[in-house]
């Protein structure tokens, strides 16, 4: 089933669940890698907001 349904766009992962810390590490690495691939960027600021300071 996994070989037939896992694609480059939507891959399946096998996560070991017998140790909570190992499971958490594996999931967090997968999520961090996916976010890095997205390459998120801050949007350009709107006109007229120069000089505004947020504390």
N, C-alpha and C. Protein backbone atom coordinates (compact mmCIF):
# COMPACT_ATOMS: atom_id res chain seq x y z
N UNK A 1 0.83 -1.18 0.00
CA UNK A 1 0.00 0.00 0.00
C UNK A 1 0.88 1.25 0.00
N UNK A 2 1.89 1.30 0.87
CA UNK A 2 2.73 2.49 0.95
C UNK A 2 3.47 2.74 -0.36
N UNK A 3 3.99 1.70 -0.97
CA UNK A 3 4.73 1.85 -2.22
C UNK A 3 3.82 2.35 -3.34
N UNK A 4 2.57 1.99 -3.32
CA UNK A 4 1.64 2.39 -4.38
C UNK A 4 1.06 3.79 -4.18
N UNK A 5 1.00 4.27 -2.95
CA UNK A 5 0.34 5.55 -2.69
C UNK A 5 1.30 6.68 -2.33
N UNK A 6 2.53 6.37 -2.00
CA UNK A 6 3.50 7.41 -1.66
C UNK A 6 4.04 8.04 -2.93
N UNK A 7 3.99 9.37 -3.00
CA UNK A 7 4.50 10.09 -4.17
C UNK A 7 5.50 11.14 -3.71
N UNK A 8 6.21 11.73 -4.66
CA UNK A 8 7.16 12.80 -4.31
C UNK A 8 6.40 14.00 -3.72
N UNK A 9 5.19 14.23 -4.19
CA UNK A 9 4.39 15.36 -3.71
C UNK A 9 3.80 15.08 -2.32
N UNK A 10 3.41 13.83 -2.07
CA UNK A 10 2.77 13.47 -0.80
C UNK A 10 3.36 12.15 -0.30
N UNK A 11 4.57 12.20 0.26
CA UNK A 11 5.21 10.95 0.69
C UNK A 11 4.64 10.43 2.01
N UNK A 12 4.77 9.13 2.20
CA UNK A 12 4.44 8.49 3.46
C UNK A 12 5.73 8.30 4.23
N UNK A 13 5.64 8.33 5.54
CA UNK A 13 6.80 8.09 6.39
C UNK A 13 6.42 7.04 7.43
N UNK A 14 7.38 6.16 7.72
CA UNK A 14 7.20 5.20 8.81
C UNK A 14 7.90 5.78 10.03
N UNK A 15 7.15 6.01 11.08
CA UNK A 15 7.66 6.65 12.29
C UNK A 15 7.72 5.61 13.41
N UNK A 16 8.90 5.41 14.02
CA UNK A 16 8.96 4.50 15.15
C UNK A 16 8.20 5.09 16.34
N UNK A 17 7.35 4.30 16.96
CA UNK A 17 6.52 4.83 18.05
C UNK A 17 6.82 4.17 19.39
N UNK A 18 7.86 3.36 19.46
CA UNK A 18 8.13 2.69 20.72
C UNK A 18 8.90 3.57 21.70
N UNK A 19 9.45 4.68 21.25
CA UNK A 19 10.11 5.65 22.12
C UNK A 19 9.57 7.04 21.76
N UNK A 20 8.96 7.70 22.74
CA UNK A 20 8.34 9.00 22.46
C UNK A 20 9.34 10.03 21.96
N UNK A 21 10.53 10.08 22.52
CA UNK A 21 11.51 11.08 22.11
C UNK A 21 11.97 10.82 20.67
N UNK A 22 12.08 9.56 20.29
CA UNK A 22 12.50 9.23 18.92
C UNK A 22 11.39 9.57 17.93
N UNK A 23 10.15 9.27 18.31
CA UNK A 23 9.01 9.64 17.47
C UNK A 23 8.95 11.15 17.27
N UNK A 24 9.09 11.91 18.36
CA UNK A 24 9.04 13.37 18.29
C UNK A 24 10.17 13.92 17.43
N UNK A 25 11.36 13.35 17.57
CA UNK A 25 12.50 13.79 16.78
C UNK A 25 12.26 13.53 15.29
N UNK A 26 11.79 12.34 14.95
CA UNK A 26 11.55 12.00 13.55
C UNK A 26 10.50 12.92 12.92
N UNK A 27 9.40 13.13 13.63
CA UNK A 27 8.34 14.00 13.10
C UNK A 27 8.82 15.43 12.97
N UNK A 28 9.54 15.94 13.95
CA UNK A 28 10.01 17.33 13.88
C UNK A 28 11.02 17.52 12.75
N UNK A 29 11.86 16.53 12.48
CA UNK A 29 12.80 16.65 11.37
C UNK A 29 12.07 16.64 10.03
N UNK A 30 11.05 15.82 9.89
CA UNK A 30 10.27 15.78 8.65
C UNK A 30 9.56 17.11 8.42
N UNK A 31 8.95 17.65 9.48
CA UNK A 31 8.24 18.93 9.36
C UNK A 31 9.23 20.06 9.06
N UNK A 32 10.37 20.09 9.73
CA UNK A 32 11.36 21.14 9.49
C UNK A 32 11.89 21.08 8.05
N UNK A 33 12.14 19.88 7.55
CA UNK A 33 12.60 19.74 6.16
C UNK A 33 11.54 20.22 5.17
N UNK A 34 10.28 19.92 5.44
CA UNK A 34 9.19 20.35 4.56
C UNK A 34 9.08 21.87 4.56
N UNK A 35 9.22 22.51 5.70
CA UNK A 35 9.16 23.97 5.78
C UNK A 35 10.34 24.59 5.05
N UNK A 36 11.54 24.01 5.20
CA UNK A 36 12.72 24.51 4.48
C UNK A 36 12.52 24.44 2.98
N UNK A 37 11.90 23.37 2.48
CA UNK A 37 11.65 23.24 1.05
C UNK A 37 10.66 24.28 0.54
N UNK A 38 9.74 24.72 1.40
CA UNK A 38 8.78 25.75 1.00
C UNK A 38 9.44 27.11 0.83
N UNK A 39 10.54 27.33 1.55
CA UNK A 39 11.27 28.60 1.50
C UNK A 39 10.34 29.78 1.78
N UNK A 40 9.74 29.84 2.97
CA UNK A 40 8.82 30.93 3.27
C UNK A 40 9.55 32.27 3.34
N UNK A 41 8.89 33.31 2.88
CA UNK A 41 9.44 34.66 2.86
C UNK A 41 8.43 35.62 3.49
N UNK A 42 8.95 36.65 4.15
CA UNK A 42 8.07 37.71 4.65
C UNK A 42 7.56 38.52 3.46
N UNK A 43 6.31 38.96 3.48
CA UNK A 43 5.80 39.80 2.39
C UNK A 43 6.41 41.19 2.47
N UNK A 44 6.40 41.89 1.38
CA UNK A 44 6.86 43.28 1.35
C UNK A 44 5.92 44.13 2.19
N UNK A 45 6.45 45.08 2.96
CA UNK A 45 5.56 45.91 3.78
C UNK A 45 4.70 46.83 2.92
N UNK A 46 3.55 47.15 3.44
CA UNK A 46 2.63 48.05 2.75
C UNK A 46 3.22 49.45 2.73
N UNK A 47 2.81 50.23 1.75
CA UNK A 47 3.27 51.60 1.65
C UNK A 47 2.77 52.41 2.84
N UNK A 48 3.61 53.26 3.36
CA UNK A 48 3.21 54.17 4.44
C UNK A 48 3.50 53.64 5.83
N UNK A 49 4.21 52.53 5.96
CA UNK A 49 4.49 52.01 7.30
C UNK A 49 5.93 52.26 7.72
N UNK A 50 6.65 53.06 6.96
CA UNK A 50 8.02 53.39 7.33
C UNK A 50 8.00 54.14 8.66
N UNK A 51 8.95 53.83 9.51
CA UNK A 51 9.07 54.53 10.78
C UNK A 51 8.21 53.97 11.89
N UNK A 52 7.33 53.03 11.62
CA UNK A 52 6.53 52.43 12.67
C UNK A 52 7.36 51.37 13.37
N UNK A 53 7.39 51.44 14.70
CA UNK A 53 8.15 50.49 15.49
C UNK A 53 7.19 49.66 16.33
N UNK A 54 7.35 48.36 16.26
CA UNK A 54 6.53 47.45 17.08
C UNK A 54 7.41 46.94 18.21
N UNK A 55 6.93 47.11 19.40
CA UNK A 55 7.71 46.70 20.58
C UNK A 55 7.11 45.46 21.16
